């Protein structure tokens, strides 16, 4: 892949959908480094490439004059694969979804309010893709499900504030293989399950 730094007046290379997948992976590396390593190799990029992509993304987000998040996603990912409307409570928002080659059964979804503000940015199950079977703790393996899938399967689930804007948590009770219900906390990055803690 390779990156050309902006020097001697040369503009930086454009940020691509591949780069964005590396940003998703970089945020997941703290929890599942082995899975991230396998995914990185499948994409044919180096660890340095992943670090550089994340560095460039952070520079865009933290720029003194950052581009609005909604515009940034369209610039990086292109036109959404699908666009629609959704009502949440009494408010309506736009729903944009893009394919993510790393996870063919998922889509990267952005919810955009009437003012153009991004409400949510996460991975969701693609329309028509089969949902995972979630009946017990053993089904909750890394990258197996999304936030909304876990919340539905193990309702009632209590949302928890994450340690970063792209992280979420859910607290709920679920049966183990022997049928004993155990309280757990499931941790998600970009809406995708990373790990489950507790179970005692």
N, C-alpha and C. Protein backbone atom coordinates (compact mmCIF):
# COMPACT_ATOMS: atom_id res chain seq x y z
N UNK A 1 0.84 -1.19 0.00
CA UNK A 1 0.00 0.00 0.00
C UNK A 1 0.87 1.23 0.00
N UNK A 2 1.55 1.51 1.08
CA UNK A 2 2.53 2.58 1.12
C UNK A 2 1.90 3.95 1.22
N UNK A 3 2.59 4.85 1.88
CA UNK A 3 2.14 6.21 2.05
C UNK A 3 3.25 7.16 1.66
N UNK A 4 2.88 8.25 1.00
CA UNK A 4 3.86 9.26 0.62
C UNK A 4 3.63 10.49 1.49
N UNK A 5 4.57 10.83 2.35
CA UNK A 5 4.37 11.99 3.19
C UNK A 5 4.28 13.26 2.37
N UNK A 6 3.58 14.23 2.95
CA UNK A 6 3.47 15.53 2.28
C UNK A 6 4.71 16.34 2.57
N UNK A 7 5.57 16.48 1.57
CA UNK A 7 6.81 17.22 1.74
C UNK A 7 7.16 17.86 0.42
N UNK A 8 7.99 18.89 0.50
CA UNK A 8 8.43 19.61 -0.69
C UNK A 8 7.25 20.04 -1.54
N UNK A 9 6.14 20.42 -0.87
CA UNK A 9 4.97 20.90 -1.58
C UNK A 9 4.11 19.82 -2.17
N UNK A 10 4.48 18.54 -1.97
CA UNK A 10 3.70 17.44 -2.53
C UNK A 10 2.49 17.16 -1.64
N UNK A 11 1.26 17.14 -2.18
CA UNK A 11 0.09 16.88 -1.34
C UNK A 11 0.08 15.45 -0.84
N UNK A 12 -0.53 15.26 0.32
CA UNK A 12 -0.63 13.92 0.88
C UNK A 12 -1.54 13.07 0.01
N UNK A 13 -1.29 11.76 0.01
CA UNK A 13 -2.15 10.85 -0.73
C UNK A 13 -3.56 10.89 -0.15
N UNK A 14 -4.59 10.72 -0.97
CA UNK A 14 -5.95 10.76 -0.45
C UNK A 14 -6.21 9.62 0.52
N UNK A 15 -7.06 9.90 1.49
CA UNK A 15 -7.45 8.89 2.47
C UNK A 15 -8.51 8.01 1.82
N UNK A 16 -8.31 6.71 1.82
CA UNK A 16 -9.14 5.78 1.06
C UNK A 16 -10.01 4.90 1.96
N UNK A 17 -10.99 4.19 1.38
CA UNK A 17 -11.77 3.22 2.16
C UNK A 17 -10.89 2.16 2.82
N UNK A 18 -9.80 1.76 2.16
CA UNK A 18 -8.87 0.81 2.78
C UNK A 18 -8.25 1.42 4.02
N UNK A 19 -7.84 2.67 3.94
CA UNK A 19 -7.28 3.35 5.11
C UNK A 19 -8.30 3.34 6.26
N UNK A 20 -9.57 3.57 5.93
CA UNK A 20 -10.58 3.63 6.97
C UNK A 20 -10.74 2.27 7.66
N UNK A 21 -10.63 1.19 6.90
CA UNK A 21 -10.68 -0.13 7.52
C UNK A 21 -9.52 -0.31 8.51
N UNK A 22 -8.37 0.25 8.18
CA UNK A 22 -7.23 0.18 9.09
C UNK A 22 -7.50 0.97 10.36
N UNK A 23 -8.24 2.08 10.24
CA UNK A 23 -8.61 2.85 11.43
C UNK A 23 -9.53 2.02 12.32
N UNK A 24 -10.50 1.32 11.72
CA UNK A 24 -11.38 0.45 12.50
C UNK A 24 -10.56 -0.61 13.24
N UNK A 25 -9.62 -1.21 12.53
CA UNK A 25 -8.81 -2.26 13.13
C UNK A 25 -7.93 -1.72 14.25
N UNK A 26 -7.36 -0.54 14.03
CA UNK A 26 -6.45 0.02 15.04
C UNK A 26 -7.17 0.19 16.37
N UNK A 27 -8.43 0.60 16.34
CA UNK A 27 -9.18 0.78 17.58
C UNK A 27 -9.52 -0.56 18.24
N UNK A 28 -9.50 -1.64 17.48
CA UNK A 28 -9.83 -2.96 18.03
C UNK A 28 -8.60 -3.72 18.52
N UNK A 29 -7.42 -3.23 18.19
CA UNK A 29 -6.19 -3.96 18.49
C UNK A 29 -5.95 -4.12 19.99
N UNK A 30 -6.43 -3.21 20.81
CA UNK A 30 -6.22 -3.31 22.25
C UNK A 30 -6.89 -4.56 22.82
N UNK A 31 -8.02 -4.95 22.24
CA UNK A 31 -8.76 -6.10 22.76
C UNK A 31 -8.42 -7.41 22.05
N UNK A 32 -8.23 -7.36 20.74
CA UNK A 32 -8.04 -8.59 19.96
C UNK A 32 -6.88 -8.45 18.98
N UNK A 33 -5.65 -8.35 19.49
CA UNK A 33 -4.51 -8.14 18.59
C UNK A 33 -4.32 -9.26 17.57
N UNK A 34 -4.63 -10.50 17.94
CA UNK A 34 -4.44 -11.60 17.00
C UNK A 34 -5.41 -11.50 15.83
N UNK A 35 -6.68 -11.20 16.12
CA UNK A 35 -7.66 -11.04 15.05
C UNK A 35 -7.30 -9.86 14.15
N UNK A 36 -6.85 -8.79 14.76
CA UNK A 36 -6.46 -7.61 13.99
C UNK A 36 -5.26 -7.92 13.12
N UNK A 37 -4.31 -8.66 13.64
CA UNK A 37 -3.13 -9.04 12.86
C UNK A 37 -3.52 -9.86 11.65
N UNK A 38 -4.42 -10.83 11.84
CA UNK A 38 -4.88 -11.66 10.72
C UNK A 38 -5.59 -10.80 9.67
N UNK A 39 -6.43 -9.87 10.14
CA UNK A 39 -7.16 -9.01 9.21
C UNK A 39 -6.21 -8.09 8.45
N UNK A 40 -5.22 -7.57 9.15
CA UNK A 40 -4.25 -6.68 8.51
C UNK A 40 -3.50 -7.42 7.40
N UNK A 41 -3.10 -8.64 7.69
CA UNK A 41 -2.38 -9.42 6.68
C UNK A 41 -3.29 -9.75 5.50
N UNK A 42 -4.58 -10.01 5.78
CA UNK A 42 -5.52 -10.30 4.69
C UNK A 42 -5.67 -9.09 3.77
N UNK A 43 -5.52 -7.90 4.34
CA UNK A 43 -5.59 -6.68 3.54
C UNK A 43 -4.28 -6.38 2.81
N UNK A 44 -3.22 -7.09 3.19
CA UNK A 44 -1.94 -6.93 2.52
C UNK A 44 -1.22 -5.65 2.88
N UNK A 45 -1.38 -5.19 4.14
CA UNK A 45 -0.73 -3.95 4.57
C UNK A 45 0.13 -4.23 5.80
N UNK A 46 1.06 -3.33 6.04
CA UNK A 46 1.98 -3.49 7.15
C UNK A 46 1.44 -2.84 8.41
N UNK A 47 2.08 -3.15 9.54
CA UNK A 47 1.72 -2.51 10.80
C UNK A 47 1.97 -1.01 10.71
N UNK A 48 3.05 -0.62 10.03
CA UNK A 48 3.34 0.80 9.86
C UNK A 48 2.23 1.49 9.07
N UNK A 49 1.68 0.80 8.05
CA UNK A 49 0.57 1.35 7.28
C UNK A 49 -0.63 1.62 8.17
N UNK A 50 -0.93 0.66 9.06
CA UNK A 50 -2.08 0.81 9.94
C UNK A 50 -1.88 1.99 10.89
N UNK A 51 -0.69 2.10 11.44
CA UNK A 51 -0.40 3.22 12.34
C UNK A 51 -0.48 4.55 11.61
N UNK A 52 0.02 4.59 10.39
CA UNK A 52 -0.01 5.82 9.63
C UNK A 52 -1.44 6.22 9.27
N UNK A 53 -2.26 5.24 8.90
CA UNK A 53 -3.66 5.53 8.58
C UNK A 53 -4.37 6.11 9.79
N UNK A 54 -4.14 5.53 10.95
CA UNK A 54 -4.78 6.03 12.16
C UNK A 54 -4.28 7.43 12.50
N UNK A 55 -2.99 7.66 12.31
CA UNK A 55 -2.41 8.98 12.58
C UNK A 55 -3.05 10.03 11.68
N UNK A 56 -3.22 9.72 10.41
CA UNK A 56 -3.81 10.66 9.47
C UNK A 56 -5.28 10.90 9.79
N UNK A 57 -5.98 9.84 10.20
CA UNK A 57 -7.40 9.99 10.58
C UNK A 57 -7.52 10.92 11.78
N UNK A 58 -6.69 10.69 12.79
CA UNK A 58 -6.75 11.53 13.98
C UNK A 58 -6.43 12.98 13.64
N UNK A 59 -5.51 13.19 12.70
CA UNK A 59 -5.17 14.55 12.29
C UNK A 59 -6.38 15.22 11.63
N UNK A 60 -7.14 14.48 10.85
CA UNK A 60 -8.34 15.04 10.23
C UNK A 60 -9.39 15.38 11.27
N UNK A 61 -9.59 14.46 12.23
CA UNK A 61 -10.61 14.66 13.25
C UNK A 61 -10.27 15.83 14.16
N UNK A 62 -8.98 15.98 14.49
CA UNK A 62 -8.55 16.98 15.47
C UNK A 62 -8.02 18.26 14.84
N UNK A 63 -8.20 18.39 13.55
CA UNK A 63 -7.74 19.60 12.87
C UNK A 63 -8.40 20.84 13.47
N UNK A 64 -7.66 21.97 13.53
CA UNK A 64 -8.26 23.20 14.05
C UNK A 64 -9.53 23.61 13.29
N UNK A 65 -9.58 23.23 12.02
CA UNK A 65 -10.77 23.51 11.21
C UNK A 65 -11.24 22.20 10.56
N UNK A 66 -11.73 21.26 11.39
CA UNK A 66 -12.08 19.95 10.85
C UNK A 66 -13.30 20.01 9.94
N UNK A 67 -13.30 19.13 8.96
CA UNK A 67 -14.48 18.98 8.10
C UNK A 67 -15.58 18.32 8.93
N UNK A 68 -16.85 18.72 8.78
CA UNK A 68 -17.93 18.06 9.53
C UNK A 68 -17.87 16.55 9.34
N UNK A 69 -18.20 15.79 10.40
CA UNK A 69 -18.05 14.34 10.36
C UNK A 69 -18.82 13.71 9.20
N UNK A 70 -20.05 14.19 8.95
CA UNK A 70 -20.84 13.63 7.86
C UNK A 70 -20.14 13.81 6.53
N UNK A 71 -19.60 15.01 6.28
CA UNK A 71 -18.89 15.28 5.04
C UNK A 71 -17.60 14.47 4.97
N UNK A 72 -16.94 14.29 6.11
CA UNK A 72 -15.70 13.53 6.13
C UNK A 72 -15.93 12.09 5.68
N UNK A 73 -17.00 11.47 6.17
CA UNK A 73 -17.26 10.09 5.77
C UNK A 73 -17.55 9.97 4.28
N UNK A 74 -18.32 10.92 3.75
CA UNK A 74 -18.60 10.88 2.31
C UNK A 74 -17.33 11.11 1.49
N UNK A 75 -16.45 11.94 1.99
CA UNK A 75 -15.20 12.21 1.28
C UNK A 75 -14.31 10.98 1.25
N UNK A 76 -14.25 10.27 2.39
CA UNK A 76 -13.37 9.11 2.51
C UNK A 76 -13.97 7.86 1.88
N UNK A 77 -15.27 7.63 2.11
CA UNK A 77 -15.90 6.38 1.71
C UNK A 77 -16.69 6.48 0.41
N UNK A 78 -16.88 7.70 -0.08
CA UNK A 78 -17.66 7.87 -1.29
C UNK A 78 -19.15 7.93 -0.98
N UNK A 79 -19.96 7.85 -2.02
CA UNK A 79 -21.41 7.87 -1.83
C UNK A 79 -21.84 6.60 -1.09
N UNK A 80 -22.77 6.71 -0.13
CA UNK A 80 -23.21 5.52 0.59
C UNK A 80 -23.82 4.47 -0.34
N UNK A 81 -23.70 3.21 0.04
CA UNK A 81 -24.33 2.13 -0.71
C UNK A 81 -25.85 2.26 -0.62
N UNK A 82 -26.32 2.71 0.55
CA UNK A 82 -27.75 2.92 0.73
C UNK A 82 -27.98 4.15 1.59
N UNK A 83 -29.09 4.84 1.34
CA UNK A 83 -29.48 6.00 2.13
C UNK A 83 -30.96 5.87 2.47
N UNK A 84 -31.31 6.23 3.71
CA UNK A 84 -32.70 6.15 4.12
C UNK A 84 -32.98 7.11 5.26
N UNK A 85 -34.16 6.98 5.85
CA UNK A 85 -34.56 7.80 6.98
C UNK A 85 -34.97 6.88 8.11
N UNK A 86 -34.77 7.35 9.35
CA UNK A 86 -35.15 6.56 10.53
C UNK A 86 -35.67 7.51 11.60
N UNK A 87 -36.70 7.08 12.31
CA UNK A 87 -37.23 7.87 13.41
C UNK A 87 -36.78 7.26 14.73
N UNK A 88 -36.15 8.06 15.56
CA UNK A 88 -35.69 7.63 16.87
C UNK A 88 -36.37 8.54 17.89
N UNK A 89 -37.29 7.96 18.65
CA UNK A 89 -38.09 8.78 19.55
C UNK A 89 -38.97 9.70 18.73
N UNK A 90 -38.82 10.99 18.92
CA UNK A 90 -39.60 11.97 18.16
C UNK A 90 -38.77 12.64 17.07
N UNK A 91 -37.53 12.19 16.90
CA UNK A 91 -36.63 12.82 15.94
C UNK A 91 -36.38 11.91 14.75
N UNK A 92 -36.19 12.52 13.60
CA UNK A 92 -35.89 11.78 12.39
C UNK A 92 -34.45 12.06 11.97
N UNK A 93 -33.79 11.05 11.45
CA UNK A 93 -32.41 11.24 11.00
C UNK A 93 -32.21 10.52 9.67
N UNK A 94 -31.13 10.89 8.99
CA UNK A 94 -30.72 10.20 7.78
C UNK A 94 -29.87 9.00 8.17
N UNK A 95 -29.98 7.93 7.40
CA UNK A 95 -29.21 6.71 7.65
C UNK A 95 -28.38 6.41 6.42
N UNK A 96 -27.07 6.41 6.58
CA UNK A 96 -26.15 6.10 5.49
C UNK A 96 -25.41 4.81 5.83
N UNK A 97 -25.24 3.94 4.83
CA UNK A 97 -24.50 2.69 5.04
C UNK A 97 -23.51 2.46 3.90
N UNK A 98 -22.32 1.96 4.30
CA UNK A 98 -21.27 1.60 3.34
C UNK A 98 -20.84 0.15 3.56
N UNK A 99 -20.47 -0.57 2.52
CA UNK A 99 -19.91 -1.92 2.70
C UNK A 99 -18.53 -1.85 3.33
N UNK A 100 -18.17 -2.92 4.04
CA UNK A 100 -16.85 -3.04 4.67
C UNK A 100 -16.27 -4.38 4.22
N UNK A 101 -15.37 -4.40 3.23
CA UNK A 101 -14.88 -5.66 2.68
C UNK A 101 -14.36 -6.64 3.73
N UNK A 102 -13.78 -6.13 4.82
CA UNK A 102 -13.28 -7.03 5.86
C UNK A 102 -14.38 -7.89 6.45
N UNK A 103 -15.58 -7.31 6.55
CA UNK A 103 -16.74 -8.01 7.13
C UNK A 103 -17.89 -7.90 6.14
N UNK A 104 -17.97 -8.83 5.17
CA UNK A 104 -18.99 -8.72 4.11
C UNK A 104 -20.42 -8.69 4.64
N UNK A 105 -20.67 -9.28 5.81
CA UNK A 105 -22.03 -9.31 6.36
C UNK A 105 -22.36 -8.07 7.20
N UNK A 106 -21.43 -7.13 7.26
CA UNK A 106 -21.67 -5.91 8.03
C UNK A 106 -21.66 -4.69 7.12
N UNK A 107 -22.20 -3.60 7.64
CA UNK A 107 -22.13 -2.31 6.98
C UNK A 107 -21.70 -1.26 8.00
N UNK A 108 -20.97 -0.25 7.55
CA UNK A 108 -20.65 0.87 8.42
C UNK A 108 -21.79 1.87 8.29
N UNK A 109 -22.45 2.13 9.41
CA UNK A 109 -23.64 2.97 9.41
C UNK A 109 -23.40 4.27 10.14
N UNK A 110 -23.89 5.35 9.53
CA UNK A 110 -23.81 6.67 10.14
C UNK A 110 -25.23 7.24 10.19
N UNK A 111 -25.64 7.71 11.38
CA UNK A 111 -26.92 8.38 11.55
C UNK A 111 -26.65 9.88 11.62
N UNK A 112 -27.33 10.63 10.77
CA UNK A 112 -27.08 12.07 10.65
C UNK A 112 -28.37 12.84 10.96
N UNK A 113 -28.29 13.74 11.93
CA UNK A 113 -29.44 14.54 12.33
C UNK A 113 -29.75 15.64 11.34
N UNK A 114 -30.84 16.35 11.61
CA UNK A 114 -31.32 17.39 10.70
C UNK A 114 -30.31 18.52 10.52
N UNK A 115 -29.49 18.77 11.54
CA UNK A 115 -28.49 19.85 11.47
C UNK A 115 -27.20 19.41 10.80
N UNK A 116 -27.12 18.13 10.42
CA UNK A 116 -25.90 17.60 9.83
C UNK A 116 -24.96 16.96 10.83
N UNK A 117 -25.33 16.99 12.11
CA UNK A 117 -24.49 16.37 13.15
C UNK A 117 -24.62 14.84 13.08
N UNK A 118 -23.49 14.15 13.26
CA UNK A 118 -23.49 12.68 13.27
C UNK A 118 -23.89 12.21 14.67
N UNK A 119 -24.96 11.43 14.74
CA UNK A 119 -25.44 10.90 16.02
C UNK A 119 -24.70 9.61 16.40
N UNK A 120 -24.57 8.73 15.43
CA UNK A 120 -23.97 7.42 15.68
C UNK A 120 -23.15 7.00 14.48
N UNK A 121 -22.04 6.32 14.74
CA UNK A 121 -21.17 5.81 13.68
C UNK A 121 -20.65 4.46 14.14
N UNK A 122 -21.16 3.39 13.50
CA UNK A 122 -20.83 2.05 13.98
C UNK A 122 -21.09 1.00 12.91
N UNK A 123 -20.70 -0.23 13.23
CA UNK A 123 -20.93 -1.37 12.35
C UNK A 123 -22.26 -2.02 12.71
N UNK A 124 -23.04 -2.36 11.68
CA UNK A 124 -24.33 -3.03 11.86
C UNK A 124 -24.41 -4.20 10.90
N UNK A 125 -25.37 -5.09 11.12
CA UNK A 125 -25.57 -6.22 10.21
C UNK A 125 -26.11 -5.72 8.88
N UNK A 126 -25.60 -6.23 7.78
CA UNK A 126 -26.06 -5.82 6.46
C UNK A 126 -27.49 -6.29 6.22
N UNK A 127 -28.28 -5.50 5.52
CA UNK A 127 -29.64 -5.92 5.20
C UNK A 127 -29.64 -7.26 4.48
N UNK A 128 -30.45 -8.20 4.97
CA UNK A 128 -30.53 -9.51 4.35
C UNK A 128 -29.51 -10.51 4.82
N UNK A 129 -28.47 -10.07 5.54
CA UNK A 129 -27.44 -11.00 6.04
C UNK A 129 -27.99 -11.73 7.26
N UNK A 130 -27.70 -13.02 7.41
CA UNK A 130 -28.22 -13.77 8.55
C UNK A 130 -27.63 -13.28 9.86
N UNK A 131 -28.49 -13.11 10.85
CA UNK A 131 -28.03 -12.70 12.17
C UNK A 131 -27.39 -13.88 12.90
N UNK A 132 -26.42 -13.63 13.76
CA UNK A 132 -25.79 -14.73 14.50
C UNK A 132 -26.75 -15.33 15.51
N UNK A 133 -26.53 -16.58 15.84
CA UNK A 133 -27.32 -17.23 16.89
C UNK A 133 -26.72 -16.86 18.23
N UNK A 134 -27.47 -16.16 19.05
CA UNK A 134 -27.00 -15.72 20.36
C UNK A 134 -27.96 -16.23 21.42
N UNK A 135 -27.58 -17.33 22.06
CA UNK A 135 -28.44 -17.92 23.07
C UNK A 135 -27.72 -18.11 24.40
N UNK A 136 -26.40 -18.13 24.39
CA UNK A 136 -25.63 -18.38 25.61
C UNK A 136 -24.32 -17.61 25.55
N UNK A 137 -23.64 -17.57 26.69
CA UNK A 137 -22.37 -16.84 26.76
C UNK A 137 -21.36 -17.36 25.76
N UNK A 138 -21.37 -18.65 25.50
CA UNK A 138 -20.41 -19.22 24.57
C UNK A 138 -20.58 -18.70 23.14
N UNK A 139 -21.75 -18.15 22.83
CA UNK A 139 -21.97 -17.59 21.49
C UNK A 139 -21.35 -16.21 21.34
N UNK A 140 -20.98 -15.59 22.44
CA UNK A 140 -20.47 -14.22 22.42
C UNK A 140 -18.95 -14.22 22.22
N UNK A 141 -18.53 -14.57 21.04
CA UNK A 141 -17.11 -14.59 20.71
C UNK A 141 -16.73 -13.26 20.04
N UNK A 142 -15.46 -12.88 20.08
CA UNK A 142 -15.05 -11.62 19.48
C UNK A 142 -15.47 -11.50 18.01
N UNK A 143 -16.02 -10.34 17.67
CA UNK A 143 -16.47 -9.98 16.33
C UNK A 143 -17.69 -10.78 15.88
N UNK A 144 -18.36 -11.45 16.80
CA UNK A 144 -19.49 -12.30 16.41
C UNK A 144 -20.79 -11.55 16.24
N UNK A 145 -20.95 -10.38 16.88
CA UNK A 145 -22.23 -9.69 16.84
C UNK A 145 -22.05 -8.20 17.05
N UNK A 146 -23.12 -7.47 16.78
CA UNK A 146 -23.13 -6.03 16.95
C UNK A 146 -23.84 -5.66 18.25
N UNK A 147 -23.77 -4.39 18.61
CA UNK A 147 -24.40 -3.92 19.84
C UNK A 147 -25.89 -4.23 19.86
N UNK A 148 -26.58 -3.87 18.78
CA UNK A 148 -28.03 -4.06 18.79
C UNK A 148 -28.42 -5.52 18.81
N UNK A 149 -27.61 -6.39 18.17
CA UNK A 149 -27.91 -7.82 18.19
C UNK A 149 -27.79 -8.40 19.59
N UNK A 150 -26.74 -8.02 20.31
CA UNK A 150 -26.58 -8.49 21.68
C UNK A 150 -27.67 -7.94 22.59
N UNK A 151 -28.03 -6.67 22.40
CA UNK A 151 -29.07 -6.06 23.24
C UNK A 151 -30.40 -6.75 23.04
N UNK A 152 -30.73 -7.13 21.81
CA UNK A 152 -31.99 -7.82 21.55
C UNK A 152 -31.96 -9.25 22.09
N UNK A 153 -30.84 -9.93 21.91
CA UNK A 153 -30.77 -11.34 22.31
C UNK A 153 -30.80 -11.53 23.81
N UNK A 154 -30.25 -10.56 24.56
CA UNK A 154 -30.14 -10.73 26.01
C UNK A 154 -30.85 -9.59 26.75
N UNK A 155 -31.98 -9.18 26.21
CA UNK A 155 -32.76 -8.14 26.87
C UNK A 155 -33.29 -8.65 28.22
N UNK A 156 -33.40 -7.75 29.22
CA UNK A 156 -33.03 -6.33 29.15
C UNK A 156 -31.52 -6.14 29.35
N UNK A 157 -30.93 -5.30 28.52
CA UNK A 157 -29.51 -4.99 28.62
C UNK A 157 -29.35 -3.52 28.96
N UNK A 158 -28.42 -3.23 29.84
CA UNK A 158 -28.20 -1.84 30.28
C UNK A 158 -26.99 -1.26 29.56
N UNK A 159 -27.17 -0.17 28.80
CA UNK A 159 -26.03 0.43 28.10
C UNK A 159 -25.07 1.07 29.09
N UNK A 160 -23.78 0.97 28.78
CA UNK A 160 -22.73 1.54 29.61
C UNK A 160 -21.88 2.49 28.78
N UNK A 161 -21.42 3.55 29.42
CA UNK A 161 -20.56 4.50 28.73
C UNK A 161 -19.21 3.86 28.44
N UNK A 162 -18.70 4.05 27.23
CA UNK A 162 -17.42 3.47 26.86
C UNK A 162 -16.26 4.34 27.28
N UNK A 163 -15.07 3.83 27.11
CA UNK A 163 -13.86 4.57 27.47
C UNK A 163 -13.40 5.51 26.37
N UNK A 164 -14.06 5.47 25.21
CA UNK A 164 -13.74 6.34 24.08
C UNK A 164 -15.00 6.50 23.25
N UNK A 165 -15.07 7.54 22.40
CA UNK A 165 -16.29 7.76 21.62
C UNK A 165 -16.71 6.58 20.75
N UNK A 166 -15.76 5.75 20.33
CA UNK A 166 -16.10 4.62 19.46
C UNK A 166 -16.33 3.32 20.24
N UNK A 167 -16.40 3.42 21.55
CA UNK A 167 -16.58 2.21 22.37
C UNK A 167 -17.89 2.28 23.16
N UNK A 168 -18.52 1.12 23.28
CA UNK A 168 -19.78 1.00 24.02
C UNK A 168 -19.70 -0.23 24.91
N UNK A 169 -20.59 -0.27 25.90
CA UNK A 169 -20.69 -1.43 26.76
C UNK A 169 -22.14 -1.79 26.99
N UNK A 170 -22.40 -3.06 27.26
CA UNK A 170 -23.73 -3.53 27.62
C UNK A 170 -23.59 -4.44 28.84
N UNK A 171 -24.43 -4.24 29.84
CA UNK A 171 -24.49 -5.13 31.00
C UNK A 171 -25.78 -5.94 30.91
N UNK A 172 -25.66 -7.24 31.05
CA UNK A 172 -26.85 -8.08 30.97
C UNK A 172 -26.55 -9.44 31.60
N UNK A 173 -27.58 -10.27 31.72
CA UNK A 173 -27.42 -11.63 32.22
C UNK A 173 -27.67 -12.60 31.07
N UNK A 174 -26.86 -13.65 31.01
CA UNK A 174 -27.00 -14.64 29.95
C UNK A 174 -26.65 -16.01 30.51
N UNK A 175 -27.28 -17.07 30.00
CA UNK A 175 -26.96 -18.41 30.48
C UNK A 175 -25.64 -18.92 29.92
N UNK A 176 -24.93 -19.71 30.73
CA UNK A 176 -23.75 -20.37 30.21
C UNK A 176 -24.16 -21.72 29.62
N UNK A 177 -23.19 -22.54 29.24
CA UNK A 177 -23.50 -23.80 28.58
C UNK A 177 -24.33 -24.73 29.46
N UNK A 178 -24.20 -24.57 30.78
CA UNK A 178 -24.96 -25.43 31.71
C UNK A 178 -26.32 -24.86 32.05
N UNK A 179 -26.63 -23.67 31.52
CA UNK A 179 -27.93 -23.07 31.77
C UNK A 179 -27.97 -22.10 32.93
N UNK A 180 -26.84 -21.90 33.61
CA UNK A 180 -26.79 -20.98 34.75
C UNK A 180 -26.65 -19.55 34.22
N UNK A 181 -27.53 -18.66 34.65
CA UNK A 181 -27.48 -17.28 34.20
C UNK A 181 -26.40 -16.51 34.97
N UNK A 182 -25.60 -15.77 34.23
CA UNK A 182 -24.49 -15.02 34.82
C UNK A 182 -24.51 -13.58 34.32
N UNK A 183 -24.20 -12.67 35.21
CA UNK A 183 -24.12 -11.27 34.84
C UNK A 183 -22.79 -10.97 34.17
N UNK A 184 -22.83 -10.28 33.04
CA UNK A 184 -21.61 -9.99 32.29
C UNK A 184 -21.66 -8.56 31.76
N UNK A 185 -20.50 -8.10 31.33
CA UNK A 185 -20.39 -6.83 30.61
C UNK A 185 -19.75 -7.13 29.26
N UNK A 186 -20.44 -6.78 28.19
CA UNK A 186 -19.91 -6.96 26.84
C UNK A 186 -19.35 -5.63 26.35
N UNK A 187 -18.15 -5.66 25.78
CA UNK A 187 -17.50 -4.43 25.31
C UNK A 187 -17.44 -4.43 23.78
N UNK A 188 -17.78 -3.29 23.20
CA UNK A 188 -17.85 -3.14 21.74
C UNK A 188 -16.98 -1.98 21.28
N UNK A 189 -16.36 -2.14 20.13
CA UNK A 189 -15.63 -1.07 19.48
C UNK A 189 -16.20 -0.89 18.08
N UNK A 190 -16.55 0.36 17.73
CA UNK A 190 -17.23 0.64 16.47
C UNK A 190 -18.47 -0.23 16.31
N UNK A 191 -19.11 -0.59 17.42
CA UNK A 191 -20.33 -1.37 17.38
C UNK A 191 -20.16 -2.86 17.28
N UNK A 192 -18.92 -3.37 17.19
CA UNK A 192 -18.66 -4.79 17.04
C UNK A 192 -18.13 -5.37 18.35
N UNK A 193 -18.64 -6.54 18.76
CA UNK A 193 -18.23 -7.14 20.03
C UNK A 193 -16.74 -7.44 20.05
N UNK A 194 -16.09 -7.04 21.14
CA UNK A 194 -14.65 -7.29 21.31
C UNK A 194 -14.37 -8.33 22.40
N UNK A 195 -15.08 -8.20 23.53
CA UNK A 195 -14.85 -9.18 24.61
C UNK A 195 -16.01 -9.11 25.60
N UNK A 196 -16.11 -10.16 26.41
CA UNK A 196 -17.12 -10.24 27.47
C UNK A 196 -16.39 -10.47 28.78
N UNK A 197 -16.68 -9.65 29.77
CA UNK A 197 -16.05 -9.75 31.08
C UNK A 197 -17.09 -10.14 32.10
N UNK A 198 -16.64 -10.80 33.15
CA UNK A 198 -17.56 -11.23 34.21
C UNK A 198 -17.93 -12.67 34.00
N UNK A 199 -19.18 -12.97 34.25
CA UNK A 199 -19.63 -14.36 34.11
C UNK A 199 -19.54 -15.14 35.38
N UNK A 200 -19.13 -14.48 36.48
CA UNK A 200 -19.02 -15.19 37.75
C UNK A 200 -20.36 -15.25 38.43
